[in-house]
Amino acid sequence: MSDYQTAILLITHDMGVIAETADRVAVMYAGRVVEIGSVGKCGRRGQHPYTRGLMGSIPKVGDDVEHLIQIDGAKPGLTEVPLGCAFHPRCGVAMEVCRQDTPLLQRCEHTEVACWQVVKARAEVKGEA
């Protein structure tokens, strides 16, 4: 859309549609943006556990469609979003801070991501942990 200097907001669960029509994507979980970046970078190297779960659940040609990969747990009702990171009850790497404090979007390499695990990993790499 940059040729026309316009933008559209497309809301979908179909990652194929996103890949075909968009340059950038905002991944949302329970009404909160958890990652923003280019379609290619989020798709190939997403940082948030939910983004990774989404991408991992897309069936590949030749996959057994009777046994599709799913993200563990149940999504919350939007009137019952938990404290902290909304994804923490389903997240395999959640820490105590994830249960208490809502992470804000932070620049991380090629995306902006709202995840305490990513913040912790960046601090460890920088020697701040």
N, C-alpha and C. Protein backbone atom coordinates (compact mmCIF):
# COMPACT_ATOMS: atom_id res chain seq x y z
N MET A 1 0.81 -1.19 0.00
CA MET A 1 0.00 0.00 0.00
C MET A 1 0.86 1.26 0.00
N SER A 2 2.19 1.11 0.14
CA SER A 2 3.04 2.30 0.21
C SER A 2 3.03 3.08 -1.10
N ASP A 3 2.74 2.43 -2.23
CA ASP A 3 2.64 3.14 -3.50
C ASP A 3 1.54 4.18 -3.46
N TYR A 4 0.51 3.92 -2.67
CA TYR A 4 -0.64 4.81 -2.59
C TYR A 4 -0.64 5.65 -1.31
N GLN A 5 0.37 5.47 -0.47
CA GLN A 5 0.47 6.14 0.83
C GLN A 5 -0.81 5.96 1.63
N THR A 6 -1.27 4.72 1.70
CA THR A 6 -2.46 4.38 2.47
C THR A 6 -2.17 3.15 3.32
N ALA A 7 -3.07 2.89 4.22
CA ALA A 7 -2.95 1.70 5.06
C ALA A 7 -4.33 1.09 5.22
N ILE A 8 -4.34 -0.22 5.49
CA ILE A 8 -5.60 -0.88 5.82
C ILE A 8 -5.38 -1.68 7.09
N LEU A 9 -6.43 -1.88 7.83
CA LEU A 9 -6.40 -2.73 9.00
C LEU A 9 -7.17 -3.99 8.66
N LEU A 10 -6.47 -5.10 8.63
CA LEU A 10 -7.07 -6.39 8.27
C LEU A 10 -7.01 -7.28 9.51
N ILE A 11 -8.14 -7.71 9.98
CA ILE A 11 -8.20 -8.57 11.15
C ILE A 11 -8.55 -9.98 10.68
N THR A 12 -7.65 -10.93 10.94
CA THR A 12 -7.85 -12.29 10.46
C THR A 12 -7.04 -13.27 11.30
N HIS A 13 -7.44 -14.52 11.27
CA HIS A 13 -6.65 -15.59 11.86
C HIS A 13 -5.89 -16.36 10.77
N ASP A 14 -6.08 -15.97 9.53
CA ASP A 14 -5.49 -16.68 8.39
C ASP A 14 -4.12 -16.08 8.06
N MET A 15 -3.07 -16.77 8.49
CA MET A 15 -1.72 -16.27 8.27
C MET A 15 -1.36 -16.23 6.79
N GLY A 16 -1.99 -17.06 5.97
CA GLY A 16 -1.77 -17.02 4.53
C GLY A 16 -2.26 -15.71 3.93
N VAL A 17 -3.42 -15.25 4.37
CA VAL A 17 -3.95 -13.97 3.90
C VAL A 17 -3.01 -12.84 4.31
N ILE A 18 -2.52 -12.89 5.53
CA ILE A 18 -1.59 -11.86 6.01
C ILE A 18 -0.33 -11.86 5.15
N ALA A 19 0.22 -13.03 4.89
CA ALA A 19 1.44 -13.12 4.10
C ALA A 19 1.26 -12.57 2.69
N GLU A 20 0.07 -12.75 2.12
CA GLU A 20 -0.19 -12.30 0.75
C GLU A 20 -0.54 -10.82 0.65
N THR A 21 -1.05 -10.22 1.71
CA THR A 21 -1.59 -8.86 1.59
C THR A 21 -0.87 -7.80 2.40
N ALA A 22 -0.07 -8.19 3.37
CA ALA A 22 0.48 -7.20 4.30
C ALA A 22 2.00 -7.17 4.27
N ASP A 23 2.56 -6.03 4.65
CA ASP A 23 4.00 -5.89 4.84
C ASP A 23 4.36 -6.03 6.32
N ARG A 24 3.47 -5.50 7.18
CA ARG A 24 3.69 -5.54 8.62
C ARG A 24 2.49 -6.20 9.30
N VAL A 25 2.74 -6.77 10.47
CA VAL A 25 1.70 -7.47 11.20
C VAL A 25 1.78 -7.12 12.68
N ALA A 26 0.63 -7.02 13.31
CA ALA A 26 0.54 -6.90 14.77
C ALA A 26 -0.16 -8.16 15.26
N VAL A 27 0.52 -8.95 16.06
CA VAL A 27 -0.05 -10.17 16.60
C VAL A 27 -0.73 -9.81 17.92
N MET A 28 -2.00 -10.19 18.05
CA MET A 28 -2.76 -9.87 19.26
C MET A 28 -3.17 -11.15 19.97
N TYR A 29 -3.21 -11.06 21.29
CA TYR A 29 -3.73 -12.15 22.11
C TYR A 29 -4.61 -11.54 23.19
N ALA A 30 -5.83 -11.99 23.28
CA ALA A 30 -6.80 -11.51 24.28
C ALA A 30 -6.92 -9.99 24.27
N GLY A 31 -6.94 -9.43 23.06
CA GLY A 31 -7.14 -7.99 22.92
C GLY A 31 -5.91 -7.14 23.12
N ARG A 32 -4.76 -7.75 23.32
CA ARG A 32 -3.51 -7.01 23.54
C ARG A 32 -2.52 -7.33 22.43
N VAL A 33 -1.82 -6.30 21.95
CA VAL A 33 -0.77 -6.53 20.96
C VAL A 33 0.43 -7.12 21.70
N VAL A 34 0.91 -8.28 21.22
CA VAL A 34 2.06 -8.93 21.84
C VAL A 34 3.31 -8.86 20.98
N GLU A 35 3.14 -8.57 19.68
CA GLU A 35 4.31 -8.45 18.80
C GLU A 35 3.94 -7.68 17.54
N ILE A 36 4.85 -6.83 17.10
CA ILE A 36 4.67 -6.06 15.86
C ILE A 36 5.96 -6.17 15.07
N GLY A 37 5.83 -6.40 13.77
CA GLY A 37 7.01 -6.44 12.92
C GLY A 37 6.63 -6.73 11.49
N SER A 38 7.65 -6.90 10.67
CA SER A 38 7.39 -7.24 9.27
C SER A 38 6.80 -8.65 9.22
N VAL A 39 6.01 -8.90 8.21
CA VAL A 39 5.39 -10.22 8.07
C VAL A 39 6.46 -11.30 8.01
N GLY A 40 7.51 -11.07 7.25
CA GLY A 40 8.56 -12.07 7.11
C GLY A 40 9.29 -12.34 8.42
N LYS A 41 9.64 -11.29 9.15
CA LYS A 41 10.39 -11.47 10.40
C LYS A 41 9.53 -12.11 11.48
N CYS A 42 8.30 -11.64 11.65
CA CYS A 42 7.41 -12.24 12.67
C CYS A 42 7.11 -13.69 12.32
N GLY A 43 6.92 -13.94 11.04
CA GLY A 43 6.59 -15.29 10.61
C GLY A 43 7.73 -16.27 10.79
N ARG A 44 8.94 -15.84 10.44
CA ARG A 44 10.09 -16.75 10.52
C ARG A 44 10.76 -16.73 11.89
N ARG A 45 10.79 -15.56 12.52
CA ARG A 45 11.56 -15.45 13.76
C ARG A 45 10.80 -14.67 14.83
N GLY A 46 9.53 -14.97 14.98
CA GLY A 46 8.75 -14.31 16.02
C GLY A 46 9.37 -14.54 17.38
N GLN A 47 9.26 -13.56 18.25
CA GLN A 47 9.87 -13.64 19.57
C GLN A 47 8.88 -14.05 20.66
N HIS A 48 7.63 -13.60 20.55
CA HIS A 48 6.66 -13.89 21.61
C HIS A 48 6.23 -15.35 21.54
N PRO A 49 6.08 -16.01 22.68
CA PRO A 49 5.65 -17.42 22.66
C PRO A 49 4.33 -17.65 21.92
N TYR A 50 3.41 -16.70 21.97
CA TYR A 50 2.16 -16.87 21.23
C TYR A 50 2.40 -16.80 19.73
N THR A 51 3.23 -15.87 19.27
CA THR A 51 3.56 -15.78 17.85
C THR A 51 4.19 -17.09 17.38
N ARG A 52 5.11 -17.61 18.18
CA ARG A 52 5.76 -18.89 17.83
C ARG A 52 4.74 -20.03 17.79
N GLY A 53 3.82 -20.02 18.75
CA GLY A 53 2.78 -21.05 18.76
C GLY A 53 1.88 -20.97 17.55
N LEU A 54 1.51 -19.74 17.17
CA LEU A 54 0.69 -19.56 15.97
C LEU A 54 1.40 -20.11 14.74
N MET A 55 2.64 -19.72 14.57
CA MET A 55 3.38 -20.14 13.39
C MET A 55 3.62 -21.65 13.39
N GLY A 56 3.82 -22.22 14.57
CA GLY A 56 4.03 -23.66 14.67
C GLY A 56 2.78 -24.47 14.43
N SER A 57 1.62 -23.84 14.55
CA SER A 57 0.36 -24.57 14.37
C SER A 57 -0.13 -24.57 12.92
N ILE A 58 0.56 -23.86 12.05
CA ILE A 58 0.16 -23.83 10.64
C ILE A 58 0.58 -25.15 10.00
N PRO A 59 -0.37 -25.90 9.45
CA PRO A 59 0.00 -27.19 8.84
C PRO A 59 0.87 -27.00 7.60
N LYS A 60 1.78 -27.92 7.43
CA LYS A 60 2.65 -27.94 6.25
C LYS A 60 2.11 -28.98 5.27
N VAL A 61 2.47 -28.83 4.02
CA VAL A 61 2.07 -29.81 3.01
C VAL A 61 2.60 -31.17 3.44
N GLY A 62 1.71 -32.15 3.45
CA GLY A 62 2.10 -33.50 3.83
C GLY A 62 1.89 -33.81 5.30
N ASP A 63 1.53 -32.79 6.12
CA ASP A 63 1.28 -33.03 7.54
C ASP A 63 0.02 -33.87 7.72
N ASP A 64 -0.02 -34.60 8.81
CA ASP A 64 -1.20 -35.38 9.18
C ASP A 64 -2.25 -34.41 9.73
N VAL A 65 -3.28 -34.12 8.95
CA VAL A 65 -4.28 -33.12 9.35
C VAL A 65 -5.17 -33.59 10.49
N GLU A 66 -5.11 -34.87 10.83
CA GLU A 66 -5.88 -35.36 11.97
C GLU A 66 -5.20 -35.03 13.28
N HIS A 67 -3.93 -34.67 13.23
CA HIS A 67 -3.16 -34.38 14.45
C HIS A 67 -2.44 -33.04 14.30
N LEU A 68 -3.21 -31.98 14.16
CA LEU A 68 -2.62 -30.66 14.03
C LEU A 68 -2.04 -30.20 15.36
N ILE A 69 -0.97 -29.44 15.30
CA ILE A 69 -0.34 -28.89 16.50
C ILE A 69 -1.21 -27.75 17.03
N GLN A 70 -1.45 -27.76 18.32
CA GLN A 70 -2.24 -26.71 18.95
C GLN A 70 -1.44 -26.08 20.08
N ILE A 71 -1.82 -24.87 20.45
CA ILE A 71 -1.25 -24.22 21.61
C ILE A 71 -1.97 -24.79 22.83
N ASP A 72 -1.21 -25.25 23.82
CA ASP A 72 -1.81 -25.85 25.01
C ASP A 72 -2.70 -24.86 25.76
N GLY A 73 -3.65 -25.38 26.50
CA GLY A 73 -4.51 -24.56 27.34
C GLY A 73 -5.68 -23.96 26.59
N ALA A 74 -6.49 -23.21 27.32
CA ALA A 74 -7.68 -22.58 26.76
C ALA A 74 -7.52 -21.07 26.79
N LYS A 75 -8.01 -20.42 25.75
CA LYS A 75 -7.93 -18.95 25.71
C LYS A 75 -8.88 -18.38 26.76
N PRO A 76 -8.53 -17.24 27.34
CA PRO A 76 -9.40 -16.65 28.35
C PRO A 76 -10.61 -15.97 27.73
N GLY A 77 -11.68 -15.87 28.50
CA GLY A 77 -12.79 -15.03 28.07
C GLY A 77 -12.32 -13.58 28.16
N LEU A 78 -12.76 -12.73 27.26
CA LEU A 78 -12.25 -11.36 27.25
C LEU A 78 -12.68 -10.56 28.46
N THR A 79 -13.65 -11.04 29.22
CA THR A 79 -14.00 -10.38 30.48
C THR A 79 -13.25 -10.99 31.66
N GLU A 80 -12.43 -12.01 31.38
CA GLU A 80 -11.68 -12.71 32.42
C GLU A 80 -10.20 -12.77 32.10
N VAL A 81 -9.66 -11.73 31.48
CA VAL A 81 -8.24 -11.72 31.12
C VAL A 81 -7.42 -11.69 32.41
N PRO A 82 -6.46 -12.60 32.56
CA PRO A 82 -5.69 -12.66 33.81
C PRO A 82 -4.77 -11.45 33.98
N LEU A 83 -4.33 -11.25 35.22
CA LEU A 83 -3.33 -10.22 35.49
C LEU A 83 -2.05 -10.56 34.75
N GLY A 84 -1.21 -9.57 34.58
CA GLY A 84 0.08 -9.79 33.93
C GLY A 84 -0.08 -10.03 32.45
N CYS A 85 0.78 -10.85 31.91
CA CYS A 85 0.70 -11.22 30.50
C CYS A 85 -0.52 -12.12 30.32
N ALA A 86 -1.40 -11.76 29.43
CA ALA A 86 -2.63 -12.53 29.22
C ALA A 86 -2.34 -13.96 28.75
N PHE A 87 -1.18 -14.18 28.15
CA PHE A 87 -0.83 -15.50 27.62
C PHE A 87 -0.21 -16.41 28.68
N HIS A 88 0.16 -15.88 29.85
CA HIS A 88 0.93 -16.69 30.80
C HIS A 88 0.30 -18.02 31.20
N PRO A 89 -1.04 -18.17 31.31
CA PRO A 89 -1.56 -19.49 31.67
C PRO A 89 -1.29 -20.57 30.61
N ARG A 90 -1.04 -20.16 29.39
CA ARG A 90 -0.81 -21.12 28.29
C ARG A 90 0.66 -21.20 27.89
N CYS A 91 1.48 -20.38 28.50
CA CYS A 91 2.88 -20.23 28.08
C CYS A 91 3.78 -21.24 28.78
N GLY A 92 4.58 -21.93 28.02
CA GLY A 92 5.49 -22.92 28.57
C GLY A 92 6.73 -22.34 29.22
N VAL A 93 6.96 -21.04 29.07
CA VAL A 93 8.16 -20.41 29.65
C VAL A 93 7.80 -19.27 30.60
N ALA A 94 6.56 -19.22 31.08
CA ALA A 94 6.12 -18.13 31.96
C ALA A 94 6.89 -18.15 33.28
N MET A 95 7.18 -16.94 33.76
CA MET A 95 7.85 -16.74 35.04
C MET A 95 6.85 -16.05 35.98
N GLU A 96 7.23 -15.87 37.24
CA GLU A 96 6.34 -15.22 38.20
C GLU A 96 5.97 -13.81 37.75
N VAL A 97 6.93 -13.06 37.20
CA VAL A 97 6.64 -11.69 36.76
C VAL A 97 5.55 -11.68 35.68
N CYS A 98 5.48 -12.72 34.89
CA CYS A 98 4.46 -12.82 33.84
C CYS A 98 3.06 -12.87 34.43
N ARG A 99 2.95 -13.43 35.63
CA ARG A 99 1.65 -13.56 36.30
C ARG A 99 1.21 -12.26 36.97
N GLN A 100 2.15 -11.35 37.20
CA GLN A 100 1.86 -10.15 37.98
C GLN A 100 1.83 -8.86 37.16
N ASP A 101 2.79 -8.69 36.26
CA ASP A 101 2.97 -7.42 35.55
C ASP A 101 2.76 -7.59 34.05
N THR A 102 2.02 -6.67 33.47
CA THR A 102 1.77 -6.69 32.03
C THR A 102 3.00 -6.14 31.31
N PRO A 103 3.62 -6.92 30.43
CA PRO A 103 4.79 -6.41 29.71
C PRO A 103 4.39 -5.39 28.65
N LEU A 104 5.25 -4.40 28.45
CA LEU A 104 5.04 -3.40 27.40
C LEU A 104 5.82 -3.80 26.17
N LEU A 105 5.40 -3.29 25.02
CA LEU A 105 6.16 -3.55 23.79
C LEU A 105 7.54 -2.93 23.90
N GLN A 106 8.56 -3.71 23.56
CA GLN A 106 9.94 -3.23 23.54
C GLN A 106 10.60 -3.69 22.26
N ARG A 107 11.46 -2.84 21.73
CA ARG A 107 12.20 -3.16 20.51
C ARG A 107 13.12 -4.34 20.80
N CYS A 108 13.07 -5.33 19.95
CA CYS A 108 13.91 -6.52 20.11
C CYS A 108 14.33 -6.99 18.73
N GLU A 109 15.56 -6.71 18.37
CA GLU A 109 16.09 -7.07 17.06
C GLU A 109 15.19 -6.58 15.94
N HIS A 110 14.36 -7.44 15.40
CA HIS A 110 13.59 -7.15 14.20
C HIS A 110 12.11 -6.89 14.47
N THR A 111 11.67 -6.96 15.72
CA THR A 111 10.26 -6.71 16.05
C THR A 111 10.15 -5.90 17.32
N GLU A 112 8.93 -5.53 17.66
CA GLU A 112 8.62 -5.03 18.99
C GLU A 112 7.81 -6.13 19.65
N VAL A 113 8.17 -6.47 20.88
CA VAL A 113 7.54 -7.61 21.53
C VAL A 113 7.25 -7.29 22.99
N ALA A 114 6.12 -7.79 23.48
CA ALA A 114 5.72 -7.62 24.88
C ALA A 114 5.85 -8.97 25.58
N CYS A 115 7.04 -9.25 26.10
CA CYS A 115 7.29 -10.55 26.73
C CYS A 115 8.42 -10.41 27.74
N TRP A 116 8.16 -10.82 28.99
CA TRP A 116 9.19 -10.74 30.03
C TRP A 116 10.35 -11.69 29.74
N GLN A 117 10.12 -12.82 29.11
CA GLN A 117 11.21 -13.74 28.77
C GLN A 117 12.19 -13.09 27.80
N VAL A 118 11.65 -12.35 26.84
CA VAL A 118 12.51 -11.66 25.87
C VAL A 118 13.30 -10.56 26.57
N VAL A 119 12.66 -9.81 27.47
CA VAL A 119 13.36 -8.77 28.23
C VAL A 119 14.49 -9.39 29.05
N LYS A 120 14.22 -10.51 29.71
CA LYS A 120 15.23 -11.20 30.52
C LYS A 120 16.39 -11.67 29.65
N ALA A 121 16.09 -12.28 28.52
CA ALA A 121 17.14 -12.78 27.62
C ALA A 121 18.02 -11.64 27.11
N ARG A 122 17.41 -10.51 26.77
CA ARG A 122 18.19 -9.36 26.29
C ARG A 122 19.09 -8.83 27.39
N ALA A 123 18.59 -8.77 28.63
CA ALA A 123 19.39 -8.30 29.75
C ALA A 123 20.58 -9.23 30.00
N GLU A 124 20.35 -10.54 29.88
CA GLU A 124 21.44 -11.51 30.07
C GLU A 124 22.51 -11.35 29.00
N VAL A 125 22.09 -11.13 27.76
CA VAL A 125 23.05 -10.94 26.67
C VAL A 125 23.88 -9.68 26.91
N LYS A 126 23.23 -8.62 27.41
CA LYS A 126 23.92 -7.36 27.67
C LYS A 126 24.67 -7.37 28.99
N GLY A 127 24.55 -8.45 29.78
CA GLY A 127 25.23 -8.53 31.07
C GLY A 127 24.55 -7.72 32.16
N GLU A 128 23.26 -7.45 32.01
CA GLU A 128 22.53 -6.65 32.99
C GLU A 128 21.73 -7.50 33.97
N ALA A 129 21.69 -8.80 33.75
CA ALA A 129 20.85 -9.65 34.61
C ALA A 129 21.59 -10.07 35.86
